[in-house]
Amino acid sequence: MRTATLCPMKHILMLAVVVCALEGSASAQSSLVASMGKAYGGDVSTSGRTYAIALGGSGAHSIGSEIEFAQNNNVTDKSGQESKIISLMASVLVSVPINSVRPYGIFGYGFIRQRTETNTDGVLSNLSNNDVGYSVGGGVTYHFSRAAGVRVDMRHFKVRKADGLSFQRIMVGLVVGG
């Protein structure tokens, strides 16, 4: 049953990679980014690896958009509580192409889910919060060929409520496409 749900996702990712690799010289460029990094600062005391996948595109004037899904399974906050953080952000980015190097700024808005497991009186209870939040940051992409490159990205995330989760994240990723 699990293989059946992964199979369509695998085909979609393969199709996205092929489309990005065969991209023509049109003014619109699309890209797929697979990243790995770490969350730190703010409300985060320690963190395991964060994994993310993003699909985006940009137009002729270096203004683009991106949708990113990220997950971090081992986050410990300042109070010592462990949680899992999942985010889905739709972002607008502005880049400045300088030959094969592209510095960029990015602003995103979307969902940040923090799932915490607490043990109360020997009974394991799951508490989860689905909140709206934003991310703001920037980075640089280096294209070593027309359709492939690497990216370093740093962002600040904040849940939009007074006592909401806040943290920073640094990621390194492989870029396929423009």
Protein backbone atom coordinates (compact mmCIF):
# COMPACT_ATOMS: atom_id res chain seq x y z
CA MET A 1 0.00 0.00 0.00
CA ARG A 2 2.84 2.36 0.82
CA THR A 3 4.49 1.67 -2.57
CA ALA A 4 1.31 2.69 -4.37
CA THR A 5 1.34 6.15 -2.75
CA LEU A 6 5.03 6.71 -3.41
CA CYS A 7 4.88 5.64 -7.05
CA PRO A 8 2.86 8.65 -8.36
CA MET A 9 5.11 11.05 -6.38
CA LYS A 10 8.20 9.43 -7.91
CA HIS A 11 6.74 9.91 -11.41
CA ILE A 12 5.89 13.55 -10.73
CA LEU A 13 9.43 14.27 -9.49
CA MET A 14 10.95 12.48 -12.50
CA LEU A 15 8.73 14.52 -14.85
CA ALA A 16 9.75 17.77 -13.11
CA VAL A 17 13.44 16.88 -13.44
CA VAL A 18 13.07 16.07 -17.17
CA VAL A 19 11.12 19.28 -17.85
CA CYS A 20 13.73 21.37 -16.04
CA ALA A 21 16.62 19.62 -17.80
CA LEU A 22 15.09 20.05 -21.26
CA GLU A 23 14.16 23.65 -20.67
CA GLY A 24 14.47 25.87 -23.74
CA SER A 25 15.65 29.46 -23.96
CA ALA A 26 12.26 30.98 -23.12
CA SER A 27 12.16 33.87 -20.70
CA ALA A 28 10.44 31.84 -17.97
CA GLN A 29 12.71 29.42 -16.13
CA SER A 30 11.71 26.67 -13.72
CA SER A 31 13.78 24.86 -11.13
CA LEU A 32 13.62 22.01 -8.66
CA VAL A 33 15.71 22.30 -5.48
CA ALA A 34 16.44 19.49 -3.02
CA SER A 35 18.04 20.83 0.17
CA MET A 36 19.41 19.70 3.49
CA GLY A 37 20.29 21.87 6.48
CA LYS A 38 19.64 22.75 10.09
CA ALA A 39 17.30 24.88 12.20
CA TYR A 40 18.78 27.04 14.98
CA GLY A 41 18.22 30.14 17.10
CA GLY A 42 15.00 31.69 18.31
CA ASP A 43 12.89 29.08 20.11
CA VAL A 44 15.09 26.18 18.92
CA SER A 45 17.71 24.87 21.34
CA THR A 46 18.93 21.90 19.25
CA SER A 47 17.90 20.47 15.92
CA GLY A 48 18.49 17.48 13.71
CA ARG A 49 18.71 17.71 9.94
CA THR A 50 16.07 19.58 7.98
CA TYR A 51 15.08 18.31 4.54
CA ALA A 52 13.29 20.41 1.92
CA ILE A 53 12.12 20.22 -1.66
CA ALA A 54 11.12 23.30 -3.62
CA LEU A 55 9.65 23.91 -7.06
CA GLY A 56 9.85 27.39 -8.50
CA GLY A 57 10.25 29.59 -11.49
CA SER A 58 11.28 33.08 -12.52
CA GLY A 59 10.41 35.43 -15.33
CA ALA A 60 12.39 37.76 -17.54
CA HIS A 61 12.88 40.37 -14.81
CA SER A 62 14.36 37.99 -12.19
CA ILE A 63 11.20 38.02 -10.09
CA GLY A 64 9.94 34.56 -9.36
CA SER A 65 7.94 32.31 -7.10
CA GLU A 66 8.61 29.09 -5.26
CA ILE A 67 6.68 26.56 -3.22
CA GLU A 68 8.69 24.68 -0.61
CA PHE A 69 7.93 21.73 1.67
CA ALA A 70 10.36 21.25 4.59
CA GLN A 71 10.53 18.81 7.50
CA ASN A 72 12.66 18.58 10.64
CA ASN A 73 11.99 15.57 12.91
CA ASN A 74 14.23 16.31 15.91
CA VAL A 75 13.76 19.82 17.27
CA THR A 76 14.23 20.61 20.96
CA ASP A 77 12.91 23.97 22.09
CA LYS A 78 14.19 26.18 24.94
CA SER A 79 11.97 24.38 27.48
CA GLY A 80 13.46 20.98 26.54
CA GLN A 81 10.39 19.70 24.70
CA GLU A 82 11.01 17.67 21.51
CA SER A 83 8.91 18.25 18.41
CA LYS A 84 8.68 17.80 14.65
CA ILE A 85 8.33 20.88 12.44
CA ILE A 86 6.77 20.75 8.97
CA SER A 87 6.38 23.84 6.79
CA LEU A 88 4.74 24.54 3.44
CA MET A 89 5.58 28.02 2.16
CA ALA A 90 4.63 29.84 -1.02
CA SER A 91 7.33 32.45 -1.65
CA VAL A 92 8.22 35.38 -3.88
CA LEU A 93 11.89 35.83 -4.71
CA VAL A 94 13.93 38.51 -6.41
CA SER A 95 17.32 37.56 -7.84
CA VAL A 96 20.18 39.45 -9.44
CA PRO A 97 21.87 37.33 -12.14
CA ILE A 98 25.62 37.98 -12.32
CA ASN A 99 26.95 35.47 -14.88
CA SER A 100 26.53 32.06 -13.21
CA VAL A 101 25.99 33.49 -9.69
CA ARG A 102 22.53 34.63 -8.55
CA PRO A 103 22.12 36.26 -5.13
CA TYR A 104 18.45 36.49 -4.13
CA GLY A 105 16.05 37.67 -1.45
CA ILE A 106 12.93 35.66 -0.59
CA PHE A 107 9.68 36.20 1.34
CA GLY A 108 7.23 33.37 2.00
CA TYR A 109 3.86 32.90 3.62
CA GLY A 110 2.26 29.58 4.48
CA PHE A 111 1.77 26.87 7.08
CA ILE A 112 4.10 25.84 9.88
CA ARG A 113 3.09 22.75 11.83
CA GLN A 114 4.79 21.92 15.12
CA ARG A 115 3.94 18.48 16.45
CA THR A 116 4.89 17.72 20.05
CA GLU A 117 4.66 14.46 21.95
CA THR A 118 4.30 14.83 25.70
CA ASN A 119 4.03 12.11 28.31
CA THR A 120 1.40 12.88 30.96
CA ASP A 121 0.74 10.36 33.76
CA GLY A 122 2.13 7.51 31.65
CA VAL A 123 -0.26 8.21 28.76
CA LEU A 124 1.29 9.37 25.49
CA SER A 125 -0.72 12.22 24.01
CA ASN A 126 -0.13 13.94 20.69
CA LEU A 127 -0.59 17.67 20.53
CA SER A 128 -0.34 19.42 17.21
CA ASN A 129 -0.62 23.03 16.11
CA ASN A 130 -1.28 24.10 12.53
CA ASP A 131 -0.43 27.76 12.25
CA VAL A 132 0.07 30.34 9.58
CA GLY A 133 3.51 31.90 9.46
CA TYR A 134 6.04 33.63 7.29
CA SER A 135 9.66 33.26 6.25
CA VAL A 136 12.10 35.90 5.10
CA GLY A 137 15.70 35.51 4.01
CA GLY A 138 18.05 35.15 1.10
CA GLY A 139 20.85 33.22 -0.41
CA VAL A 140 22.93 32.61 -3.49
CA THR A 141 22.67 30.12 -6.34
CA TYR A 142 25.69 29.09 -8.41
CA HIS A 143 24.97 27.44 -11.78
CA PHE A 144 27.86 25.24 -12.94
CA SER A 145 25.90 24.39 -16.11
CA ARG A 146 22.81 25.78 -17.80
CA ALA A 147 20.50 23.31 -16.05
CA ALA A 148 22.27 22.48 -12.75
CA GLY A 149 23.75 24.23 -9.77
CA VAL A 150 23.98 24.53 -6.01
CA ARG A 151 22.26 26.90 -3.59
CA VAL A 152 22.92 28.19 -0.08
CA ASP A 153 19.85 29.61 1.62
CA MET A 154 19.23 31.22 5.03
CA ARG A 155 15.76 32.14 6.31
CA HIS A 156 13.96 33.28 9.44
CA PHE A 157 10.61 31.56 10.21
CA LYS A 158 7.90 32.94 12.52
CA VAL A 159 4.41 31.73 13.38
CA ARG A 160 1.98 34.68 13.20
CA LYS A 161 0.81 34.83 16.81
CA ALA A 162 2.23 36.40 19.96
CA ASP A 163 3.65 33.19 21.45
CA GLY A 164 4.33 31.55 18.07
CA LEU A 165 7.38 29.50 17.15
CA SER A 166 10.38 31.42 15.80
CA PHE A 167 13.65 30.03 14.38
CA GLN A 168 16.28 30.40 11.67
CA ARG A 169 17.29 27.82 9.11
CA ILE A 170 20.33 27.36 6.87
CA MET A 171 20.16 24.99 3.88
CA VAL A 172 22.44 23.76 1.09
CA GLY A 173 20.73 22.37 -1.97
CA LEU A 174 21.12 20.93 -5.46
CA VAL A 175 19.34 22.93 -8.16
CA VAL A 176 18.02 21.31 -11.34
CA GLY A 177 16.81 23.79 -13.95
CA GLY A 178 17.10 27.54 -14.42
